[in-house]
Amino acid sequence: MMSKVLGIGSIFPEFSKTACVEIDVDAPGKEFTTIDNSYIKGKWAVLFWWPKDFTFVCPTEIAEFNNNFDEFDDRDTVLLGASTDSEFVHLAWRRDNENLRDLKFPMIADTSKTLAEELGILAEPEKVAYRATFIIDPDGIIRWVSVNDLNVGRNVQEVVRVLDALQTDELCPCNWKKGEKTLNETLGL
């Protein structure tokens, strides 16, 4: 059971967390950085959570987000991944898993679990994060939330589709995709 998930229209919480950003063994000391709200201020952002490092479903999702990194970048959207594991576990996992070595986005370490708790996405009794995805607008407002159970991966293309729809700021029908007419255009609104 989880607490109430922070929802649409809510201000994304203030945070400051260490993140794994590099695994280059030739550049020691550059593996980690601090990520906070200033990293996403004034930009669209997608923040996705996974339960634990060194598991089975999680790397498939992380790799798929990475495969689609340019889709987010083309939309001027910051992509961030997070779990409640430490930055050192993130680093070890990236070095260990071939699909995670060349990530183009930071892996946030919420070891205190404070951000996951504020977002309402901690699974009991383990206190690991559900597979939650948040789209945040340039004003820091949560515009979309999706939460999957621990054992079910998400659809990255659906995240991109919803981001496209939100960025139109128009009425978008069911299954709408970028390039199709919005209802505003269809109805002359």
N, C-alpha and C. Protein backbone atom coordinates (compact mmCIF):
# COMPACT_ATOMS: atom_id res chain seq x y z
N MET A 1 0.84 -1.18 0.00
CA MET A 1 0.00 0.00 0.00
C MET A 1 0.89 1.24 0.00
N MET A 2 0.48 2.25 -0.75
CA MET A 2 1.26 3.48 -0.78
C MET A 2 0.41 4.62 -0.24
N SER A 3 1.11 5.68 0.17
CA SER A 3 0.39 6.86 0.62
C SER A 3 -0.15 7.59 -0.60
N LYS A 4 -0.81 8.69 -0.38
CA LYS A 4 -1.42 9.44 -1.48
C LYS A 4 -0.33 10.01 -2.39
N VAL A 5 -0.43 9.68 -3.67
CA VAL A 5 0.52 10.15 -4.67
C VAL A 5 0.26 11.63 -4.94
N LEU A 6 1.34 12.40 -4.97
CA LEU A 6 1.24 13.81 -5.32
C LEU A 6 0.75 13.89 -6.76
N GLY A 7 -0.29 14.66 -6.99
CA GLY A 7 -0.95 14.58 -8.28
C GLY A 7 -0.85 15.80 -9.16
N ILE A 8 -1.61 15.74 -10.22
CA ILE A 8 -1.66 16.77 -11.25
C ILE A 8 -2.08 18.10 -10.62
N GLY A 9 -1.34 19.13 -11.00
CA GLY A 9 -1.62 20.47 -10.48
C GLY A 9 -0.79 20.82 -9.26
N SER A 10 -0.14 19.83 -8.67
CA SER A 10 0.70 20.07 -7.49
C SER A 10 2.06 20.62 -7.93
N ILE A 11 2.64 21.41 -7.06
CA ILE A 11 4.01 21.89 -7.28
C ILE A 11 4.94 20.73 -6.97
N PHE A 12 5.90 20.47 -7.86
CA PHE A 12 6.88 19.42 -7.61
C PHE A 12 7.72 19.84 -6.40
N PRO A 13 7.95 18.93 -5.45
CA PRO A 13 8.65 19.29 -4.21
C PRO A 13 10.08 19.80 -4.43
N GLU A 14 10.53 20.62 -3.50
CA GLU A 14 11.92 21.05 -3.48
C GLU A 14 12.78 19.82 -3.17
N PHE A 15 13.92 19.70 -3.83
CA PHE A 15 14.81 18.58 -3.58
C PHE A 15 16.25 18.97 -3.89
N SER A 16 17.16 18.26 -3.29
CA SER A 16 18.58 18.37 -3.60
C SER A 16 19.17 17.00 -3.30
N LYS A 17 19.60 16.31 -4.35
CA LYS A 17 20.04 14.92 -4.22
C LYS A 17 21.33 14.70 -5.01
N THR A 18 22.12 13.75 -4.55
CA THR A 18 23.31 13.34 -5.29
C THR A 18 22.88 12.42 -6.41
N ALA A 19 23.53 12.55 -7.56
CA ALA A 19 23.20 11.72 -8.72
C ALA A 19 24.47 11.18 -9.35
N CYS A 20 24.36 9.98 -9.87
CA CYS A 20 25.44 9.38 -10.65
C CYS A 20 25.28 9.88 -12.09
N VAL A 21 26.34 10.51 -12.61
CA VAL A 21 26.26 11.08 -13.95
C VAL A 21 27.34 10.56 -14.88
N GLU A 22 28.31 9.83 -14.36
CA GLU A 22 29.45 9.42 -15.18
C GLU A 22 30.03 8.13 -14.61
N ILE A 23 30.59 7.29 -15.47
CA ILE A 23 31.27 6.09 -14.98
C ILE A 23 32.69 5.99 -15.49
N ASP A 24 33.15 7.02 -16.16
CA ASP A 24 34.48 7.01 -16.76
C ASP A 24 35.56 6.85 -15.69
N VAL A 25 36.23 5.72 -15.70
CA VAL A 25 37.27 5.45 -14.71
C VAL A 25 38.50 6.33 -14.93
N ASP A 26 38.59 6.96 -16.12
CA ASP A 26 39.70 7.86 -16.40
C ASP A 26 39.44 9.27 -15.87
N ALA A 27 38.23 9.50 -15.35
CA ALA A 27 37.88 10.82 -14.82
C ALA A 27 37.36 10.69 -13.39
N PRO A 28 38.18 10.13 -12.48
CA PRO A 28 37.69 9.96 -11.11
C PRO A 28 37.32 11.30 -10.48
N GLY A 29 36.29 11.25 -9.66
CA GLY A 29 35.80 12.45 -9.01
C GLY A 29 34.70 13.16 -9.79
N LYS A 30 34.40 12.68 -11.00
CA LYS A 30 33.36 13.30 -11.82
C LYS A 30 32.13 12.40 -11.94
N GLU A 31 32.11 11.33 -11.15
CA GLU A 31 31.00 10.37 -11.24
C GLU A 31 29.69 10.93 -10.69
N PHE A 32 29.79 11.87 -9.74
CA PHE A 32 28.61 12.34 -9.03
C PHE A 32 28.46 13.85 -9.12
N THR A 33 27.22 14.29 -9.03
CA THR A 33 26.92 15.72 -8.95
C THR A 33 25.65 15.88 -8.12
N THR A 34 25.38 17.10 -7.72
CA THR A 34 24.14 17.39 -7.00
C THR A 34 23.11 17.91 -7.99
N ILE A 35 21.93 17.33 -7.91
CA ILE A 35 20.80 17.73 -8.76
C ILE A 35 19.74 18.31 -7.83
N ASP A 36 19.23 19.48 -8.19
CA ASP A 36 18.14 20.08 -7.41
C ASP A 36 17.14 20.72 -8.36
N ASN A 37 16.19 21.45 -7.80
CA ASN A 37 15.14 22.04 -8.63
C ASN A 37 15.67 22.99 -9.70
N SER A 38 16.84 23.59 -9.45
CA SER A 38 17.39 24.51 -10.46
C SER A 38 17.72 23.77 -11.76
N TYR A 39 17.95 22.47 -11.67
CA TYR A 39 18.28 21.65 -12.84
C TYR A 39 17.11 21.59 -13.83
N ILE A 40 15.88 21.70 -13.30
CA ILE A 40 14.69 21.61 -14.15
C ILE A 40 13.91 22.92 -14.24
N LYS A 41 14.33 23.92 -13.49
CA LYS A 41 13.59 25.19 -13.46
C LYS A 41 13.47 25.79 -14.86
N GLY A 42 12.24 26.16 -15.22
CA GLY A 42 11.98 26.79 -16.51
C GLY A 42 11.98 25.85 -17.69
N LYS A 43 12.02 24.53 -17.42
CA LYS A 43 12.06 23.53 -18.49
C LYS A 43 10.99 22.47 -18.23
N TRP A 44 10.61 21.79 -19.29
CA TRP A 44 9.81 20.59 -19.11
C TRP A 44 10.75 19.52 -18.56
N ALA A 45 10.22 18.63 -17.73
CA ALA A 45 11.04 17.56 -17.16
C ALA A 45 10.23 16.29 -17.05
N VAL A 46 10.90 15.17 -17.24
CA VAL A 46 10.34 13.85 -16.98
C VAL A 46 11.24 13.20 -15.93
N LEU A 47 10.64 12.86 -14.80
CA LEU A 47 11.36 12.16 -13.73
C LEU A 47 10.71 10.81 -13.55
N PHE A 48 11.49 9.75 -13.77
CA PHE A 48 10.93 8.40 -13.62
C PHE A 48 11.69 7.65 -12.53
N TRP A 49 10.94 6.85 -11.79
CA TRP A 49 11.47 6.10 -10.65
C TRP A 49 11.42 4.60 -10.92
N TRP A 50 12.37 3.87 -10.36
CA TRP A 50 12.36 2.41 -10.39
C TRP A 50 12.60 1.93 -8.96
N PRO A 51 12.18 0.69 -8.65
CA PRO A 51 12.28 0.19 -7.27
C PRO A 51 13.71 -0.02 -6.76
N LYS A 52 14.51 -0.78 -7.49
CA LYS A 52 15.84 -1.14 -6.98
C LYS A 52 16.82 -1.35 -8.13
N ASP A 53 18.06 -1.02 -7.87
CA ASP A 53 19.13 -1.35 -8.80
C ASP A 53 19.42 -2.85 -8.72
N PHE A 54 20.10 -3.36 -9.71
CA PHE A 54 20.48 -4.78 -9.79
C PHE A 54 19.26 -5.70 -9.74
N THR A 55 18.21 -5.30 -10.47
CA THR A 55 17.01 -6.13 -10.57
C THR A 55 16.76 -6.42 -12.05
N PHE A 56 15.59 -6.95 -12.38
CA PHE A 56 15.35 -7.46 -13.72
C PHE A 56 14.55 -6.54 -14.63
N VAL A 57 13.44 -6.00 -14.17
CA VAL A 57 12.61 -5.14 -15.00
C VAL A 57 13.25 -3.75 -15.13
N CYS A 58 13.83 -3.26 -14.06
CA CYS A 58 14.35 -1.89 -14.01
C CYS A 58 15.34 -1.56 -15.13
N PRO A 59 16.34 -2.41 -15.41
CA PRO A 59 17.28 -2.01 -16.46
C PRO A 59 16.64 -1.96 -17.85
N THR A 60 15.56 -2.72 -18.07
CA THR A 60 14.90 -2.65 -19.36
C THR A 60 14.26 -1.28 -19.56
N GLU A 61 13.68 -0.75 -18.50
CA GLU A 61 13.06 0.58 -18.57
C GLU A 61 14.10 1.67 -18.70
N ILE A 62 15.14 1.60 -17.89
CA ILE A 62 16.18 2.62 -17.91
C ILE A 62 16.84 2.66 -19.29
N ALA A 63 17.15 1.49 -19.83
CA ALA A 63 17.76 1.43 -21.16
C ALA A 63 16.80 1.98 -22.22
N GLU A 64 15.51 1.72 -22.09
CA GLU A 64 14.55 2.23 -23.07
C GLU A 64 14.41 3.74 -22.98
N PHE A 65 14.42 4.30 -21.77
CA PHE A 65 14.42 5.76 -21.65
C PHE A 65 15.68 6.31 -22.31
N ASN A 66 16.82 5.67 -22.09
CA ASN A 66 18.07 6.12 -22.69
C ASN A 66 18.01 6.03 -24.22
N ASN A 67 17.43 4.94 -24.74
CA ASN A 67 17.28 4.79 -26.19
C ASN A 67 16.43 5.91 -26.79
N ASN A 68 15.55 6.47 -25.97
CA ASN A 68 14.65 7.53 -26.42
C ASN A 68 15.08 8.91 -25.93
N PHE A 69 16.30 9.01 -25.41
CA PHE A 69 16.77 10.28 -24.85
C PHE A 69 16.62 11.43 -25.84
N ASP A 70 16.96 11.19 -27.11
CA ASP A 70 16.86 12.26 -28.11
C ASP A 70 15.42 12.73 -28.31
N GLU A 71 14.45 11.84 -28.11
CA GLU A 71 13.04 12.22 -28.20
C GLU A 71 12.72 13.30 -27.15
N PHE A 72 13.25 13.11 -25.94
CA PHE A 72 13.02 14.09 -24.87
C PHE A 72 13.82 15.36 -25.14
N ASP A 73 15.07 15.18 -25.54
CA ASP A 73 15.94 16.32 -25.82
C ASP A 73 15.35 17.18 -26.95
N ASP A 74 14.81 16.56 -27.98
CA ASP A 74 14.18 17.29 -29.09
C ASP A 74 12.98 18.11 -28.63
N ARG A 75 12.42 17.74 -27.50
CA ARG A 75 11.26 18.44 -26.95
C ARG A 75 11.67 19.39 -25.83
N ASP A 76 12.98 19.68 -25.75
CA ASP A 76 13.53 20.56 -24.71
C ASP A 76 13.09 20.12 -23.31
N THR A 77 13.19 18.82 -23.09
CA THR A 77 12.75 18.21 -21.84
C THR A 77 13.91 17.53 -21.15
N VAL A 78 14.07 17.85 -19.88
CA VAL A 78 15.11 17.24 -19.04
C VAL A 78 14.62 15.86 -18.61
N LEU A 79 15.46 14.85 -18.76
CA LEU A 79 15.14 13.49 -18.35
C LEU A 79 15.97 13.14 -17.13
N LEU A 80 15.29 12.65 -16.08
CA LEU A 80 15.95 12.23 -14.84
C LEU A 80 15.41 10.88 -14.41
N GLY A 81 16.29 10.01 -13.94
CA GLY A 81 15.89 8.74 -13.36
C GLY A 81 16.20 8.76 -11.87
N ALA A 82 15.49 7.95 -11.09
CA ALA A 82 15.72 7.96 -9.64
C ALA A 82 15.28 6.64 -9.00
N SER A 83 15.96 6.32 -7.92
CA SER A 83 15.53 5.25 -7.02
C SER A 83 16.01 5.60 -5.63
N THR A 84 15.71 4.75 -4.68
CA THR A 84 16.14 5.00 -3.30
C THR A 84 17.50 4.37 -3.01
N ASP A 85 18.13 3.81 -4.04
CA ASP A 85 19.49 3.29 -3.86
C ASP A 85 20.49 4.45 -3.82
N SER A 86 21.68 4.18 -3.32
CA SER A 86 22.70 5.22 -3.21
C SER A 86 23.37 5.48 -4.55
N GLU A 87 24.06 6.61 -4.63
CA GLU A 87 24.81 6.94 -5.84
C GLU A 87 25.91 5.91 -6.11
N PHE A 88 26.44 5.30 -5.05
CA PHE A 88 27.49 4.29 -5.21
C PHE A 88 26.93 3.00 -5.80
N VAL A 89 25.71 2.66 -5.41
CA VAL A 89 25.04 1.49 -6.00
C VAL A 89 24.72 1.78 -7.46
N HIS A 90 24.24 3.00 -7.75
CA HIS A 90 23.98 3.39 -9.15
C HIS A 90 25.26 3.24 -9.98
N LEU A 91 26.37 3.74 -9.46
CA LEU A 91 27.64 3.68 -10.16
C LEU A 91 28.06 2.23 -10.42
N ALA A 92 27.97 1.39 -9.40
CA ALA A 92 28.34 -0.02 -9.54
C ALA A 92 27.45 -0.71 -10.56
N TRP A 93 26.16 -0.41 -10.54
CA TRP A 93 25.21 -1.03 -11.47
C TRP A 93 25.50 -0.59 -12.90
N ARG A 94 25.77 0.69 -13.09
CA ARG A 94 26.10 1.18 -14.43
C ARG A 94 27.36 0.52 -14.96
N ARG A 95 28.34 0.34 -14.09
CA ARG A 95 29.58 -0.31 -14.52
C ARG A 95 29.35 -1.80 -14.81
N ASP A 96 28.43 -2.42 -14.09
CA ASP A 96 28.17 -3.85 -14.21
C ASP A 96 27.26 -4.21 -15.38
N ASN A 97 26.33 -3.33 -15.73
CA ASN A 97 25.31 -3.64 -16.73
C ASN A 97 25.62 -2.90 -18.04
N GLU A 98 25.91 -3.65 -19.07
CA GLU A 98 26.29 -3.08 -20.36
C GLU A 98 25.25 -2.09 -20.89
N ASN A 99 23.97 -2.35 -20.64
CA ASN A 99 22.90 -1.49 -21.14
C ASN A 99 22.80 -0.16 -20.41
N LEU A 100 23.52 -0.02 -19.30
CA LEU A 100 23.43 1.20 -18.49
C LEU A 100 24.70 2.04 -18.53
N ARG A 101 25.71 1.56 -19.19
CA ARG A 101 27.03 2.23 -19.16
C ARG A 101 27.00 3.62 -19.80
N ASP A 102 26.25 3.78 -20.86
CA ASP A 102 26.29 5.04 -21.61
C ASP A 102 25.02 5.87 -21.42
N LEU A 103 24.53 5.93 -20.21
CA LEU A 103 23.32 6.71 -19.95
C LEU A 103 23.58 8.19 -20.21
N LYS A 104 22.58 8.85 -20.76
CA LYS A 104 22.69 10.26 -21.10
C LYS A 104 21.97 11.15 -20.08
N PHE A 105 21.46 10.55 -19.01
CA PHE A 105 20.74 11.30 -17.99
C PHE A 105 21.22 10.87 -16.61
N PRO A 106 21.05 11.74 -15.61
CA PRO A 106 21.47 11.43 -14.25
C PRO A 106 20.59 10.37 -13.59
N MET A 107 21.22 9.58 -12.71
CA MET A 107 20.50 8.62 -11.86
C MET A 107 20.51 9.20 -10.44
N ILE A 108 19.38 9.72 -10.01
CA ILE A 108 19.28 10.36 -8.70
C ILE A 108 19.22 9.31 -7.60
N ALA A 109 19.95 9.58 -6.52
CA ALA A 109 19.98 8.71 -5.34
C ALA A 109 19.17 9.36 -4.23
N ASP A 110 18.00 8.82 -3.96
CA ASP A 110 17.15 9.33 -2.88
C ASP A 110 17.28 8.40 -1.67
N THR A 111 18.49 8.31 -1.14
CA THR A 111 18.77 7.36 -0.05
C THR A 111 17.98 7.68 1.21
N SER A 112 17.67 8.95 1.44
CA SER A 112 16.87 9.31 2.62
C SER A 112 15.39 9.00 2.39
N LYS A 113 15.02 8.76 1.15
CA LYS A 113 13.66 8.45 0.73
C LYS A 113 12.70 9.62 0.93
N THR A 114 13.25 10.80 1.18
CA THR A 114 12.40 11.96 1.46
C THR A 114 11.62 12.42 0.23
N LEU A 115 12.25 12.43 -0.94
CA LEU A 115 11.55 12.86 -2.14
C LEU A 115 10.49 11.84 -2.53
N ALA A 116 10.85 10.56 -2.51
CA ALA A 116 9.87 9.51 -2.83
C ALA A 116 8.69 9.55 -1.85
N GLU A 117 8.99 9.84 -0.60
CA GLU A 117 7.92 9.92 0.40
C GLU A 117 7.02 11.13 0.13
N GLU A 118 7.62 12.29 -0.18
CA GLU A 118 6.82 13.47 -0.49
C GLU A 118 5.94 13.24 -1.71
N LEU A 119 6.46 12.48 -2.68
CA LEU A 119 5.70 12.18 -3.88
C LEU A 119 4.63 11.12 -3.64
N GLY A 120 4.72 10.40 -2.51
CA GLY A 120 3.73 9.38 -2.17
C GLY A 120 3.90 8.09 -2.95
N ILE A 121 5.14 7.74 -3.30
CA ILE A 121 5.36 6.57 -4.17
C ILE A 121 6.17 5.46 -3.51
N LEU A 122 6.24 5.45 -2.18
CA LEU A 122 6.98 4.38 -1.49
C LEU A 122 6.09 3.17 -1.27
N ALA A 123 6.58 2.02 -1.67
CA ALA A 123 5.85 0.76 -1.50
C ALA A 123 6.15 0.20 -0.12
N GLU A 124 5.13 -0.23 0.58
CA GLU A 124 5.27 -0.87 1.88
C GLU A 124 5.42 -2.36 1.67
N PRO A 125 6.08 -3.11 2.51
CA PRO A 125 6.81 -2.67 3.69
C PRO A 125 8.28 -2.34 3.39
N GLU A 126 8.73 -2.58 2.14
CA GLU A 126 10.15 -2.40 1.81
C GLU A 126 10.60 -0.96 1.74
N LYS A 127 9.67 -0.04 1.50
CA LYS A 127 10.00 1.37 1.32
C LYS A 127 10.91 1.59 0.12
N VAL A 128 10.58 0.92 -0.99
CA VAL A 128 11.22 1.19 -2.27
C VAL A 128 10.17 1.91 -3.13
N ALA A 129 10.63 2.62 -4.14
CA ALA A 129 9.72 3.40 -4.97
C ALA A 129 8.98 2.51 -5.96
N TYR A 130 7.71 2.84 -6.17
CA TYR A 130 6.97 2.24 -7.27
C TYR A 130 7.56 2.77 -8.58
N ARG A 131 7.17 2.16 -9.68
CA ARG A 131 7.58 2.62 -11.00
C ARG A 131 6.70 3.82 -11.36
N ALA A 132 7.12 4.98 -10.89
CA ALA A 132 6.34 6.20 -11.07
C ALA A 132 7.02 7.10 -12.10
N THR A 133 6.20 7.80 -12.88
CA THR A 133 6.69 8.75 -13.87
C THR A 133 5.93 10.06 -13.68
N PHE A 134 6.68 11.14 -13.63
CA PHE A 134 6.10 12.47 -13.47
C PHE A 134 6.54 13.34 -14.64
N ILE A 135 5.58 14.03 -15.27
CA ILE A 135 5.91 15.07 -16.23
C ILE A 135 5.65 16.40 -15.53
N ILE A 136 6.68 17.25 -15.54
CA ILE A 136 6.64 18.52 -14.81
C ILE A 136 6.81 19.64 -15.84
N ASP A 137 5.96 20.66 -15.75
CA ASP A 137 6.04 21.74 -16.72
C ASP A 137 7.10 22.78 -16.31
N PRO A 138 7.38 23.76 -17.16
CA PRO A 138 8.42 24.75 -16.85
C PRO A 138 8.16 25.57 -15.58
N ASP A 139 6.92 25.59 -15.11
CA ASP A 139 6.60 26.31 -13.87
C ASP A 139 6.72 25.42 -12.64
N GLY A 140 7.19 24.19 -12.82
CA GLY A 140 7.34 23.28 -11.69
C GLY A 140 6.06 22.58 -11.27
N ILE A 141 5.05 22.60 -12.14
CA ILE A 141 3.75 21.99 -11.85
C ILE A 141 3.72 20.57 -12.43
N ILE A 142 3.27 19.62 -11.64
CA ILE A 142 3.10 18.25 -12.13
C ILE A 142 1.91 18.24 -13.07
N ARG A 143 2.15 17.79 -14.31
CA ARG A 143 1.10 17.77 -15.33
C ARG A 143 0.63 16.37 -15.68
N TRP A 144 1.43 15.34 -15.30
CA TRP A 144 1.04 13.95 -15.58
C TRP A 144 1.76 13.05 -14.59
N VAL A 145 1.03 12.05 -14.11
CA VAL A 145 1.60 11.05 -13.20
C VAL A 145 1.12 9.69 -13.65
N SER A 146 2.04 8.74 -13.67
CA SER A 146 1.70 7.35 -13.95
C SER A 146 2.47 6.49 -12.95
N VAL A 147 1.77 5.56 -12.31
CA VAL A 147 2.41 4.70 -11.33
C VAL A 147 2.07 3.25 -11.64
N ASN A 148 3.11 2.44 -11.83
CA ASN A 148 2.94 1.01 -12.08
C ASN A 148 3.32 0.22 -10.84
N ASP A 149 2.74 -0.96 -10.72
CA ASP A 149 3.12 -1.87 -9.65
C ASP A 149 4.60 -2.25 -9.83
N LEU A 150 5.17 -2.81 -8.80
CA LEU A 150 6.61 -3.09 -8.80
C LEU A 150 7.07 -4.01 -9.93
N ASN A 151 6.23 -4.94 -10.35
CA ASN A 151 6.70 -5.94 -11.32
C ASN A 151 6.27 -5.67 -12.76
N VAL A 152 5.73 -4.47 -13.04
CA VAL A 152 5.25 -4.17 -14.39
C VAL A 152 5.97 -2.94 -14.95
N GLY A 153 6.67 -3.14 -16.06
CA GLY A 153 7.37 -2.04 -16.71
C GLY A 153 6.43 -1.09 -17.41
N ARG A 154 6.91 0.11 -17.62
CA ARG A 154 6.08 1.15 -18.27
C ARG A 154 6.38 1.23 -19.76
N ASN A 155 5.60 2.05 -20.46
CA ASN A 155 5.74 2.25 -21.90
C ASN A 155 6.34 3.64 -22.14
N VAL A 156 7.59 3.70 -22.55
CA VAL A 156 8.28 4.98 -22.74
C VAL A 156 7.63 5.77 -23.87
N GLN A 157 7.15 5.11 -24.92
CA GLN A 157 6.50 5.83 -26.01
C GLN A 157 5.24 6.54 -25.55
N GLU A 158 4.55 5.98 -24.57
CA GLU A 158 3.37 6.65 -24.02
C GLU A 158 3.78 7.91 -23.26
N VAL A 159 4.90 7.87 -22.58
CA VAL A 159 5.39 9.07 -21.88
C VAL A 159 5.68 10.16 -22.92
N VAL A 160 6.34 9.81 -24.01
CA VAL A 160 6.65 10.77 -25.07
C VAL A 160 5.35 11.31 -25.68
N ARG A 161 4.37 10.43 -25.91
CA ARG A 161 3.10 10.85 -26.51
C ARG A 161 2.39 11.86 -25.61
N VAL A 162 2.34 11.57 -24.33
CA VAL A 162 1.67 12.47 -23.39
C VAL A 162 2.42 13.81 -23.29
N LEU A 163 3.75 13.74 -23.28
CA LEU A 163 4.54 14.97 -23.26
C LEU A 163 4.22 15.83 -24.49
N ASP A 164 4.17 15.20 -25.66
CA ASP A 164 3.80 15.92 -26.88
C ASP A 164 2.44 16.60 -26.72
N ALA A 165 1.47 15.86 -26.21
CA ALA A 165 0.12 16.40 -26.06
C ALA A 165 0.11 17.57 -25.08
N LEU A 166 0.80 17.42 -23.96
CA LEU A 166 0.85 18.50 -22.98
C LEU A 166 1.51 19.74 -23.55
N GLN A 167 2.54 19.55 -24.35
CA GLN A 167 3.25 20.70 -24.90
C GLN A 167 2.45 21.45 -25.97
N THR A 168 1.40 20.84 -26.52
CA THR A 168 0.55 21.58 -27.47
C THR A 168 -0.31 22.60 -26.75
N ASP A 169 -0.62 22.32 -25.48
CA ASP A 169 -1.53 23.15 -24.68
C ASP A 169 -2.90 23.27 -25.36
N GLU A 170 -3.27 22.21 -26.09
CA GLU A 170 -4.55 22.16 -26.77
C GLU A 170 -5.29 20.89 -26.36
N LEU A 171 -6.52 20.75 -26.84
CA LEU A 171 -7.31 19.56 -26.58
C LEU A 171 -6.84 18.44 -27.50
N CYS A 172 -6.43 17.33 -26.93
CA CYS A 172 -5.93 16.20 -27.73
C CYS A 172 -6.80 14.97 -27.48
N PRO A 173 -7.34 14.38 -28.55
CA PRO A 173 -8.22 13.23 -28.38
C PRO A 173 -7.46 11.96 -27.99
N CYS A 174 -8.22 10.95 -27.69
CA CYS A 174 -7.68 9.63 -27.35
C CYS A 174 -6.72 9.17 -28.45
N ASN A 175 -5.60 8.62 -28.06
CA ASN A 175 -4.58 8.08 -28.96
C ASN A 175 -3.94 9.11 -29.88
N TRP A 176 -4.12 10.39 -29.59
CA TRP A 176 -3.52 11.44 -30.39
C TRP A 176 -2.01 11.28 -30.42
N LYS A 177 -1.40 11.56 -31.57
CA LYS A 177 0.06 11.52 -31.72
C LYS A 177 0.52 12.80 -32.38
N LYS A 178 1.75 13.18 -32.07
CA LYS A 178 2.35 14.39 -32.64
C LYS A 178 2.22 14.35 -34.15
N GLY A 179 1.82 15.48 -34.72
CA GLY A 179 1.63 15.57 -36.17
C GLY A 179 0.17 15.46 -36.58
N GLU A 180 -0.65 14.86 -35.70
CA GLU A 180 -2.08 14.77 -35.98
C GLU A 180 -2.76 16.06 -35.53
N LYS A 181 -3.94 16.30 -36.07
CA LYS A 181 -4.69 17.49 -35.68
C LYS A 181 -5.19 17.34 -34.25
N THR A 182 -5.12 18.45 -33.53
CA THR A 182 -5.73 18.49 -32.19
C THR A 182 -7.21 18.77 -32.36
N LEU A 183 -7.97 18.63 -31.31
CA LEU A 183 -9.39 18.95 -31.39
C LEU A 183 -9.59 20.45 -31.64
N ASN A 184 -8.68 21.27 -31.13
CA ASN A 184 -8.75 22.70 -31.39
C ASN A 184 -8.75 22.96 -32.89
N GLU A 185 -7.85 22.28 -33.61
CA GLU A 185 -7.76 22.45 -35.06
C GLU A 185 -8.96 21.84 -35.77
N THR A 186 -9.38 20.66 -35.34
CA THR A 186 -10.51 19.97 -35.96
C THR A 186 -11.81 20.76 -35.79
N LEU A 187 -12.02 21.31 -34.59
CA LEU A 187 -13.27 22.00 -34.30
C LEU A 187 -13.19 23.51 -34.53
N GLY A 188 -12.01 23.99 -34.91
CA GLY A 188 -11.85 25.42 -35.15
C GLY A 188 -11.91 26.25 -33.88
N LEU A 189 -11.43 25.68 -32.78
CA LEU A 189 -11.46 26.41 -31.49
C LEU A 189 -10.32 27.38 -31.36
